[in-house]
C-alpha cells in the first residue's frame, strides 16, 4: 500500500508512456501513514493526491490493461477504501 504524495510531469518521454499519469507514491502502514520509500507509479485507476492506494511493482506492474507491454516498474492498481486486520479497522477513506 502507499500514499499518493505528488505528481510527475514529463514533456519528453518514450512514446510508450504517452497517456499515462505518473504519481509519486510513498509506502504506508495499515493506518495510511507514510513509512517507506517513494516510487513513481503509473496510475491505472484515476487516483489523486492524498489517496491511499494499492500498487504493484516489477513485472506485475505491467499486468493492467493500461500498462500491458509498457516500460513501467510500478502501477497503481486500486484506490483503498478500508483496511481491516484481524477484525480491527485500521484505515477508512473519509
PDB file of N, CA and C in Angstrom:
ATOM      1  N   UNK A   1       0.843  -1.178   0.000  1.00  0.00           N
ATOM      2  CA  UNK A   1       0.000   0.000   0.000  1.00  0.00           C
ATOM      3  C   UNK A   1       0.884   1.236   0.000  1.00  0.00           C
ATOM      4  N   UNK A   2       0.328   2.323  -0.458  1.00  0.00           N
ATOM      5  CA  UNK A   2       1.071   3.564  -0.479  1.00  0.00           C
ATOM      6  C   UNK A   2       0.145   4.764  -0.443  1.00  0.00           C
ATOM      7  N   UNK A   3       0.719   5.913  -0.149  1.00  0.00           N
ATOM      8  CA  UNK A   3       0.013   7.175  -0.108  1.00  0.00           C
ATOM      9  C   UNK A   3       0.499   8.033  -1.266  1.00  0.00           C
ATOM     10  N   UNK A   4      -0.429   8.558  -2.067  1.00  0.00           N
ATOM     11  CA  UNK A   4      -0.050   9.417  -3.188  1.00  0.00           C
ATOM     12  C   UNK A   4       0.350  10.775  -2.624  1.00  0.00           C
ATOM     13  N   UNK A   5       1.621  11.152  -2.849  1.00  0.00           N
ATOM     14  CA  UNK A   5       2.156  12.392  -2.273  1.00  0.00           C
ATOM     15  C   UNK A   5       2.556  13.428  -3.322  1.00  0.00           C
ATOM     16  N   UNK A   6       2.501  13.072  -4.598  1.00  0.00           N
ATOM     17  CA  UNK A   6       2.901  14.040  -5.614  1.00  0.00           C
ATOM     18  C   UNK A   6       2.672  13.539  -7.019  1.00  0.00           C
ATOM     19  N   UNK A   7       3.010  14.386  -7.969  1.00  0.00           N
ATOM     20  CA  UNK A   7       2.852  14.063  -9.384  1.00  0.00           C
ATOM     21  C   UNK A   7       4.175  14.267 -10.105  1.00  0.00           C
ATOM     22  N   UNK A   8       4.304  13.633 -11.260  1.00  0.00           N
ATOM     23  CA  UNK A   8       5.467  13.810 -12.115  1.00  0.00           C
ATOM     24  C   UNK A   8       4.960  14.271 -13.476  1.00  0.00           C
ATOM     25  N   UNK A   9       5.522  15.361 -13.974  1.00  0.00           N
ATOM     26  CA  UNK A   9       5.166  15.864 -15.299  1.00  0.00           C
ATOM     27  C   UNK A   9       6.400  15.749 -16.179  1.00  0.00           C
ATOM     28  N   UNK A  10       6.222  15.155 -17.356  1.00  0.00           N
ATOM     29  CA  UNK A  10       7.332  14.977 -18.281  1.00  0.00           C
ATOM     30  C   UNK A  10       6.853  15.304 -19.689  1.00  0.00           C
ATOM     31  N   UNK A  11       7.451  16.323 -20.292  1.00  0.00           N
ATOM     32  CA  UNK A  11       7.034  16.693 -21.645  1.00  0.00           C
ATOM     33  C   UNK A  11       7.731  15.859 -22.707  1.00  0.00           C
ATOM     34  N   UNK A  12       8.886  15.302 -22.373  1.00  0.00           N
ATOM     35  CA  UNK A  12       9.612  14.429 -23.305  1.00  0.00           C
ATOM     36  C   UNK A  12       9.760  13.060 -22.664  1.00  0.00           C
ATOM     37  N   UNK A  13       9.201  12.055 -23.320  1.00  0.00           N
ATOM     38  CA  UNK A  13       9.266  10.698 -22.791  1.00  0.00           C
ATOM     39  C   UNK A  13       9.102   9.698 -23.915  1.00  0.00           C
ATOM     40  N   UNK A  14       9.380   8.455 -23.629  1.00  0.00           N
ATOM     41  CA  UNK A  14       9.194   7.384 -24.589  1.00  0.00           C
ATOM     42  C   UNK A  14       7.728   7.364 -25.026  1.00  0.00           C
ATOM     43  N   UNK A  15       7.465   7.184 -26.321  1.00  0.00           N
ATOM     44  CA  UNK A  15       6.082   7.164 -26.805  1.00  0.00           C
ATOM     45  C   UNK A  15       5.205   6.125 -26.090  1.00  0.00           C
ATOM     46  N   UNK A  16       5.787   5.040 -25.593  1.00  0.00           N
ATOM     47  CA  UNK A  16       5.024   4.010 -24.881  1.00  0.00           C
ATOM     48  C   UNK A  16       4.437   4.524 -23.567  1.00  0.00           C
ATOM     49  N   UNK A  17       4.956   5.639 -23.058  1.00  0.00           N
ATOM     50  CA  UNK A  17       4.436   6.213 -21.820  1.00  0.00           C
ATOM     51  C   UNK A  17       3.367   7.270 -22.073  1.00  0.00           C
ATOM     52  N   UNK A  18       3.097   7.563 -23.320  1.00  0.00           N
ATOM     53  CA  UNK A  18       2.088   8.550 -23.664  1.00  0.00           C
ATOM     54  C   UNK A  18       0.731   8.196 -23.070  1.00  0.00           C
ATOM     55  N   UNK A  19       0.058   9.192 -22.501  1.00  0.00           N
ATOM     56  CA  UNK A  19      -1.276   8.992 -21.947  1.00  0.00           C
ATOM     57  C   UNK A  19      -1.300   8.457 -20.523  1.00  0.00           C
ATOM     58  N   UNK A  20      -0.146   8.114 -19.967  1.00  0.00           N
ATOM     59  CA  UNK A  20      -0.109   7.619 -18.590  1.00  0.00           C
ATOM     60  C   UNK A  20       0.133   8.771 -17.619  1.00  0.00           C
ATOM     61  N   UNK A  21      -0.677   8.834 -16.568  1.00  0.00           N
ATOM     62  CA  UNK A  21      -0.445   9.799 -15.495  1.00  0.00           C
ATOM     63  C   UNK A  21       0.553   9.161 -14.535  1.00  0.00           C
ATOM     64  N   UNK A  22       1.577   9.916 -14.148  1.00  0.00           N
ATOM     65  CA  UNK A  22       2.609   9.416 -13.253  1.00  0.00           C
ATOM     66  C   UNK A  22       2.473  10.088 -11.894  1.00  0.00           C
ATOM     67  N   UNK A  23       2.401   9.285 -10.832  1.00  0.00           N
ATOM     68  CA  UNK A  23       2.239   9.795  -9.482  1.00  0.00           C
ATOM     69  C   UNK A  23       3.365   9.302  -8.587  1.00  0.00           C
ATOM     70  N   UNK A  24       3.695  10.094  -7.573  1.00  0.00           N
ATOM     71  CA  UNK A  24       4.685   9.688  -6.580  1.00  0.00           C
ATOM     72  C   UNK A  24       3.933   9.032  -5.428  1.00  0.00           C
ATOM     73  N   UNK A  25       4.315   7.802  -5.125  1.00  0.00           N
ATOM     74  CA  UNK A  25       3.657   7.020  -4.079  1.00  0.00           C
ATOM     75  C   UNK A  25       4.686   6.691  -3.000  1.00  0.00           C
ATOM     76  N   UNK A  26       4.341   7.002  -1.759  1.00  0.00           N
ATOM     77  CA  UNK A  26       5.212   6.695  -0.612  1.00  0.00           C
ATOM     78  C   UNK A  26       4.576   5.540   0.148  1.00  0.00           C
ATOM     79  N   UNK A  27       5.357   4.492   0.400  1.00  0.00           N
ATOM     80  CA  UNK A  27       4.847   3.346   1.141  1.00  0.00           C
ATOM     81  C   UNK A  27       4.188   3.781   2.439  1.00  0.00           C
ATOM     82  N   UNK A  28       3.127   3.078   2.871  1.00  0.00           N
ATOM     83  CA  UNK A  28       2.436   3.449   4.100  1.00  0.00           C
ATOM     84  C   UNK A  28       2.055   2.211   4.905  1.00  0.00           C
ATOM     85  N   UNK A  29       1.714   2.448   6.184  1.00  0.00           N
ATOM     86  CA  UNK A  29       1.292   1.356   7.050  1.00  0.00           C
ATOM     87  C   UNK A  29      -0.211   1.125   6.897  1.00  0.00           C
ATOM     88  N   UNK A  30      -0.766   0.219   7.696  1.00  0.00           N
ATOM     89  CA  UNK A  30      -2.195  -0.112   7.603  1.00  0.00           C
ATOM     90  C   UNK A  30      -3.103   1.047   7.991  1.00  0.00           C
ATOM     91  N   UNK A  31      -2.564   2.069   8.657  1.00  0.00           N
ATOM     92  CA  UNK A  31      -3.345   3.237   9.033  1.00  0.00           C
ATOM     93  C   UNK A  31      -3.290   4.338   7.982  1.00  0.00           C
ATOM     94  N   UNK A  32      -2.537   4.111   6.900  1.00  0.00           N
ATOM     95  CA  UNK A  32      -2.404   5.111   5.845  1.00  0.00           C
ATOM     96  C   UNK A  32      -1.332   6.143   6.130  1.00  0.00           C
ATOM     97  N   UNK A  33      -0.501   5.896   7.144  1.00  0.00           N
ATOM     98  CA  UNK A  33       0.568   6.836   7.489  1.00  0.00           C
ATOM     99  C   UNK A  33       1.835   6.460   6.727  1.00  0.00           C
ATOM    100  N   UNK A  34       2.478   7.435   6.063  1.00  0.00           N
ATOM    101  CA  UNK A  34       3.687   7.152   5.288  1.00  0.00           C
ATOM    102  C   UNK A  34       4.797   6.560   6.146  1.00  0.00           C
ATOM    103  N   UNK A  35       5.445   5.512   5.624  1.00  0.00           N
ATOM    104  CA  UNK A  35       6.517   4.864   6.370  1.00  0.00           C
ATOM    105  C   UNK A  35       7.708   4.495   5.488  1.00  0.00           C
ATOM    106  N   UNK A  36       7.483   4.278   4.229  1.00  0.00           N
ATOM    107  CA  UNK A  36       8.526   3.723   3.379  1.00  0.00           C
ATOM    108  C   UNK A  36       9.107   4.703   2.397  1.00  0.00           C
ATOM    109  N   UNK A  37       9.822   4.141   1.456  1.00  0.00           N
ATOM    110  CA  UNK A  37      10.434   4.949   0.410  1.00  0.00           C
ATOM    111  C   UNK A  37       9.380   5.299  -0.647  1.00  0.00           C
ATOM    112  N   UNK A  38       9.759   6.155  -1.564  1.00  0.00           N
ATOM    113  CA  UNK A  38       8.845   6.612  -2.610  1.00  0.00           C
ATOM    114  C   UNK A  38       9.165   5.976  -3.950  1.00  0.00           C
ATOM    115  N   UNK A  39       8.135   5.802  -4.772  1.00  0.00           N
ATOM    116  CA  UNK A  39       8.301   5.313  -6.139  1.00  0.00           C
ATOM    117  C   UNK A  39       7.440   6.174  -7.056  1.00  0.00           C
ATOM    118  N   UNK A  40       7.814   6.203  -8.319  1.00  0.00           N
ATOM    119  CA  UNK A  40       6.968   6.827  -9.336  1.00  0.00           C
ATOM    120  C   UNK A  40       6.154   5.696  -9.956  1.00  0.00           C
ATOM    121  N   UNK A  41       4.830   5.844  -9.932  1.00  0.00           N
ATOM    122  CA  UNK A  41       3.950   4.789 -10.415  1.00  0.00           C
ATOM    123  C   UNK A  41       3.008   5.317 -11.483  1.00  0.00           C
ATOM    124  N   UNK A  42       2.770   4.493 -12.493  1.00  0.00           N
ATOM    125  CA  UNK A  42       1.758   4.805 -13.497  1.00  0.00           C
ATOM    126  C   UNK A  42       0.395   4.595 -12.850  1.00  0.00           C
ATOM    127  N   UNK A  43      -0.531   5.496 -13.108  1.00  0.00           N
ATOM    128  CA  UNK A  43      -1.858   5.421 -12.497  1.00  0.00           C
ATOM    129  C   UNK A  43      -2.837   4.762 -13.458  1.00  0.00           C
ATOM    130  N   UNK A  44      -3.340   3.587 -13.088  1.00  0.00           N
ATOM    131  CA  UNK A  44      -4.280   2.860 -13.940  1.00  0.00           C
ATOM    132  C   UNK A  44      -5.731   3.023 -13.489  1.00  0.00           C
ATOM    133  N   UNK A  45      -5.970   3.776 -12.381  1.00  0.00           N
ATOM    134  CA  UNK A  45      -7.326   3.828 -11.826  1.00  0.00           C
ATOM    135  C   UNK A  45      -7.848   5.232 -11.533  1.00  0.00           C
ATOM    136  N   UNK A  46      -7.099   6.272 -11.831  1.00  0.00           N
ATOM    137  CA  UNK A  46      -7.569   7.632 -11.586  1.00  0.00           C
ATOM    138  C   UNK A  46      -7.388   8.098 -10.154  1.00  0.00           C
ATOM    139  N   UNK A  47      -6.299   7.703  -9.518  1.00  0.00           N
ATOM    140  CA  UNK A  47      -6.016   8.113  -8.142  1.00  0.00           C
ATOM    141  C   UNK A  47      -5.606   9.584  -8.094  1.00  0.00           C
ATOM    142  N   UNK A  48      -5.670  10.147  -6.898  1.00  0.00           N
ATOM    143  CA  UNK A  48      -5.294  11.540  -6.729  1.00  0.00           C
ATOM    144  C   UNK A  48      -4.468  11.760  -5.483  1.00  0.00           C
ATOM    145  N   UNK A  49      -3.982  12.971  -5.313  1.00  0.00           N
ATOM    146  CA  UNK A  49      -3.157  13.337  -4.164  1.00  0.00           C
ATOM    147  C   UNK A  49      -3.876  13.019  -2.859  1.00  0.00           C
ATOM    148  N   UNK A  50      -3.141  12.456  -1.912  1.00  0.00           N
ATOM    149  CA  UNK A  50      -3.684  12.166  -0.600  1.00  0.00           C
ATOM    150  C   UNK A  50      -4.427  10.851  -0.482  1.00  0.00           C
ATOM    151  N   UNK A  51      -4.595  10.123  -1.574  1.00  0.00           N
ATOM    152  CA  UNK A  51      -5.323   8.858  -1.506  1.00  0.00           C
ATOM    153  C   UNK A  51      -4.385   7.707  -1.166  1.00  0.00           C
ATOM    154  N   UNK A  52      -4.910   6.755  -0.402  1.00  0.00           N
ATOM    155  CA  UNK A  52      -4.192   5.519  -0.112  1.00  0.00           C
ATOM    156  C   UNK A  52      -4.510   4.560  -1.252  1.00  0.00           C
ATOM    157  N   UNK A  53      -3.474   3.955  -1.814  1.00  0.00           N
ATOM    158  CA  UNK A  53      -3.638   3.114  -2.997  1.00  0.00           C
ATOM    159  C   UNK A  53      -2.923   1.779  -2.814  1.00  0.00           C
ATOM    160  N   UNK A  54      -3.298   0.836  -3.640  1.00  0.00           N
ATOM    161  CA  UNK A  54      -2.592  -0.433  -3.736  1.00  0.00           C
ATOM    162  C   UNK A  54      -1.801  -0.366  -5.027  1.00  0.00           C
ATOM    163  N   UNK A  55      -0.504  -0.630  -4.933  1.00  0.00           N
ATOM    164  CA  UNK A  55       0.315  -0.590  -6.142  1.00  0.00           C
ATOM    165  C   UNK A  55       1.152  -1.850  -6.248  1.00  0.00           C
ATOM    166  N   UNK A  56       1.500  -2.176  -7.467  1.00  0.00           N
ATOM    167  CA  UNK A  56       2.336  -3.343  -7.744  1.00  0.00           C
ATOM    168  C   UNK A  56       3.604  -2.864  -8.412  1.00  0.00           C
ATOM    169  N   UNK A  57       4.688  -3.607  -8.182  1.00  0.00           N
ATOM    170  CA  UNK A  57       5.946  -3.251  -8.828  1.00  0.00           C
ATOM    171  C   UNK A  57       6.550  -4.468  -9.505  1.00  0.00           C
ATOM    172  N   UNK A  58       7.567  -4.217 -10.316  1.00  0.00           N
ATOM    173  CA  UNK A  58       8.180  -5.302 -11.070  1.00  0.00           C
ATOM    174  C   UNK A  58       7.300  -5.729 -12.232  1.00  0.00           C
ATOM    175  N   UNK A  59       7.422  -6.975 -12.631  1.00  0.00           N
ATOM    176  CA  UNK A  59       6.661  -7.453 -13.793  1.00  0.00           C
ATOM    177  C   UNK A  59       5.155  -7.391 -13.559  1.00  0.00           C
ATOM    178  N   UNK A  60       4.709  -7.455 -12.315  1.00  0.00           N
ATOM    179  CA  UNK A  60       3.270  -7.354 -12.017  1.00  0.00           C
ATOM    180  C   UNK A  60       2.713  -5.985 -12.399  1.00  0.00           C
ATOM    181  N   UNK A  61       3.561  -4.968 -12.438  1.00  0.00           N
ATOM    182  CA  UNK A  61       3.115  -3.621 -12.789  1.00  0.00           C
ATOM    183  C   UNK A  61       2.653  -3.534 -14.238  1.00  0.00           C
ATOM    184  N   UNK A  62       3.031  -4.488 -15.056  1.00  0.00           N
ATOM    185  CA  UNK A  62       2.654  -4.467 -16.477  1.00  0.00           C
ATOM    186  C   UNK A  62       1.467  -5.379 -16.779  1.00  0.00           C
ATOM    187  N   UNK A  63       0.687  -5.715 -15.761  1.00  0.00           N
ATOM    188  CA  UNK A  63      -0.433  -6.638 -15.950  1.00  0.00           C
ATOM    189  C   UNK A  63      -1.785  -5.950 -16.077  1.00  0.00           C
ATOM    190  N   UNK A  64      -1.855  -4.618 -15.972  1.00  0.00           N
ATOM    191  CA  UNK A  64      -3.134  -3.937 -16.146  1.00  0.00           C
ATOM    192  C   UNK A  64      -3.352  -3.648 -17.626  1.00  0.00           C
ATOM    193  N   UNK A  65      -4.577  -3.377 -17.976  1.00  0.00           N
ATOM    194  CA  UNK A  65      -4.905  -3.047 -19.363  1.00  0.00           C
ATOM    195  C   UNK A  65      -4.120  -1.819 -19.833  1.00  0.00           C
ATOM    196  N   UNK A  66      -3.993  -0.818 -18.960  1.00  0.00           N
ATOM    197  CA  UNK A  66      -3.312   0.431 -19.341  1.00  0.00           C
ATOM    198  C   UNK A  66      -1.799   0.286 -19.447  1.00  0.00           C
ATOM    199  N   UNK A  67      -1.211  -0.665 -18.730  1.00  0.00           N
ATOM    200  CA  UNK A  67       0.252  -0.739 -18.679  1.00  0.00           C
ATOM    201  C   UNK A  67       0.835  -1.970 -19.372  1.00  0.00           C
ATOM    202  N   UNK A  68      -0.006  -2.778 -19.955  1.00  0.00           N
ATOM    203  CA  UNK A  68       0.485  -4.007 -20.587  1.00  0.00           C
ATOM    204  C   UNK A  68       1.517  -3.684 -21.661  1.00  0.00           C
ATOM    205  N   UNK A  69       2.668  -4.335 -21.554  1.00  0.00           N
ATOM    206  CA  UNK A  69       3.775  -4.178 -22.502  1.00  0.00           C
ATOM    207  C   UNK A  69       4.357  -2.763 -22.549  1.00  0.00           C
ATOM    208  N   UNK A  70       4.167  -1.995 -21.478  1.00  0.00           N
ATOM    209  CA  UNK A  70       4.752  -0.654 -21.407  1.00  0.00           C
ATOM    210  C   UNK A  70       5.918  -0.676 -20.428  1.00  0.00           C
ATOM    211  N   UNK A  71       6.869   0.244 -20.589  1.00  0.00           N
ATOM    212  CA  UNK A  71       8.063   0.240 -19.739  1.00  0.00           C
ATOM    213  C   UNK A  71       7.824   0.888 -18.370  1.00  0.00           C
ATOM    214  N   UNK A  72       7.015   0.233 -17.533  1.00  0.00           N
ATOM    215  CA  UNK A  72       6.756   0.744 -16.188  1.00  0.00           C
ATOM    216  C   UNK A  72       7.200  -0.299 -15.161  1.00  0.00           C
ATOM    217  N   UNK A  73       7.599   0.177 -13.991  1.00  0.00           N
ATOM    218  CA  UNK A  73       8.040  -0.727 -12.937  1.00  0.00           C
ATOM    219  C   UNK A  73       7.163  -0.622 -11.695  1.00  0.00           C
ATOM    220  N   UNK A  74       6.200   0.308 -11.690  1.00  0.00           N
ATOM    221  CA  UNK A  74       5.232   0.419 -10.589  1.00  0.00           C
ATOM    222  C   UNK A  74       3.928   0.953 -11.172  1.00  0.00           C
ATOM    223  N   UNK A  75       2.810   0.360 -10.739  1.00  0.00           N
ATOM    224  CA  UNK A  75       1.492   0.763 -11.229  1.00  0.00           C
ATOM    225  C   UNK A  75       0.495   0.801 -10.078  1.00  0.00           C
ATOM    226  N   UNK A  76      -0.268   1.887  -9.998  1.00  0.00           N
ATOM    227  CA  UNK A  76      -1.371   1.967  -9.041  1.00  0.00           C
ATOM    228  C   UNK A  76      -2.522   1.168  -9.630  1.00  0.00           C
ATOM    229  N   UNK A  77      -2.971   0.149  -8.867  1.00  0.00           N
ATOM    230  CA  UNK A  77      -3.981  -0.781  -9.363  1.00  0.00           C
ATOM    231  C   UNK A  77      -5.316  -0.664  -8.642  1.00  0.00           C
ATOM    232  N   UNK A  78      -5.369   0.047  -7.517  1.00  0.00           N
ATOM    233  CA  UNK A  78      -6.616   0.183  -6.756  1.00  0.00           C
ATOM    234  C   UNK A  78      -6.515   1.376  -5.814  1.00  0.00           C
ATOM    235  N   UNK A  79      -7.655   1.974  -5.535  1.00  0.00           N
ATOM    236  CA  UNK A  79      -7.761   3.012  -4.509  1.00  0.00           C
ATOM    237  C   UNK A  79      -8.384   2.327  -3.296  1.00  0.00           C
ATOM    238  N   UNK A  80      -7.716   2.428  -2.150  1.00  0.00           N
ATOM    239  CA  UNK A  80      -8.147   1.711  -0.945  1.00  0.00           C
ATOM    240  C   UNK A  80      -9.287   2.463  -0.259  1.00  0.00           C
ATOM    241  N   UNK A  81     -10.355   1.733   0.061  1.00  0.00           N
ATOM    242  CA  UNK A  81     -11.476   2.304   0.815  1.00  0.00           C
ATOM    243  C   UNK A  81     -11.348   2.004   2.305  1.00  0.00           C
ATOM    244  N   UNK A  82     -11.012   0.756   2.629  1.00  0.00           N
ATOM    245  CA  UNK A  82     -10.944   0.327   4.017  1.00  0.00           C
ATOM    246  C   UNK A  82      -9.853  -0.721   4.184  1.00  0.00           C
ATOM    247  N   UNK A  83      -9.174  -0.687   5.332  1.00  0.00           N
ATOM    248  CA  UNK A  83      -8.218  -1.730   5.694  1.00  0.00           C
ATOM    249  C   UNK A  83      -8.635  -2.289   7.051  1.00  0.00           C
ATOM    250  N   UNK A  84      -8.892  -3.592   7.093  1.00  0.00           N
ATOM    251  CA  UNK A  84      -9.197  -4.274   8.342  1.00  0.00           C
ATOM    252  C   UNK A  84      -8.188  -5.398   8.526  1.00  0.00           C
ATOM    253  N   UNK A  85      -7.631  -5.489   9.727  1.00  0.00           N
ATOM    254  CA  UNK A  85      -6.663  -6.527  10.048  1.00  0.00           C
ATOM    255  C   UNK A  85      -7.142  -7.232  11.313  1.00  0.00           C
ATOM    256  N   UNK A  86      -7.340  -8.535  11.225  1.00  0.00           N
ATOM    257  CA  UNK A  86      -7.800  -9.343  12.356  1.00  0.00           C
ATOM    258  C   UNK A  86      -9.024  -8.726  13.025  1.00  0.00           C
ATOM    259  N   UNK A  87      -9.957  -8.260  12.220  1.00  0.00           N
ATOM    260  CA  UNK A  87     -11.212  -7.707  12.724  1.00  0.00           C
ATOM    261  C   UNK A  87     -11.170  -6.258  13.169  1.00  0.00           C
ATOM    262  N   UNK A  88     -10.017  -5.654  13.178  1.00  0.00           N
ATOM    263  CA  UNK A  88      -9.897  -4.263  13.606  1.00  0.00           C
ATOM    264  C   UNK A  88      -9.711  -3.371  12.398  1.00  0.00           C
ATOM    265  N   UNK A  89     -10.510  -2.304  12.322  1.00  0.00           N
ATOM    266  CA  UNK A  89     -10.398  -1.355  11.219  1.00  0.00           C
ATOM    267  C   UNK A  89      -9.217  -0.430  11.488  1.00  0.00           C
ATOM    268  N   UNK A  90      -8.289  -0.392  10.534  1.00  0.00           N
ATOM    269  CA  UNK A  90      -7.105   0.462  10.662  1.00  0.00           C
ATOM    270  C   UNK A  90      -7.219   1.726   9.823  1.00  0.00           C
ATOM    271  N   UNK A  91      -7.813   1.612   8.644  1.00  0.00           N
ATOM    272  CA  UNK A  91      -7.924   2.756   7.735  1.00  0.00           C
ATOM    273  C   UNK A  91      -9.300   2.751   7.102  1.00  0.00           C
ATOM    274  N   UNK A  92      -9.866   3.915   6.987  1.00  0.00           N
ATOM    275  CA  UNK A  92     -11.134   4.065   6.264  1.00  0.00           C
ATOM    276  C   UNK A  92     -11.094   5.379   5.520  1.00  0.00           C
ATOM    277  N   UNK A  93     -11.409   5.326   4.237  1.00  0.00           N
ATOM    278  CA  UNK A  93     -11.398   6.528   3.403  1.00  0.00           C
ATOM    279  C   UNK A  93     -12.461   7.498   3.919  1.00  0.00           C
ATOM    280  N   UNK A  94     -12.087   8.723   4.115  1.00  0.00           N
ATOM    281  CA  UNK A  94     -13.038   9.725   4.624  1.00  0.00           C
ATOM    282  C   UNK A  94     -13.830  10.356   3.525  1.00  0.00           C
TER     283      UNK A  94
END
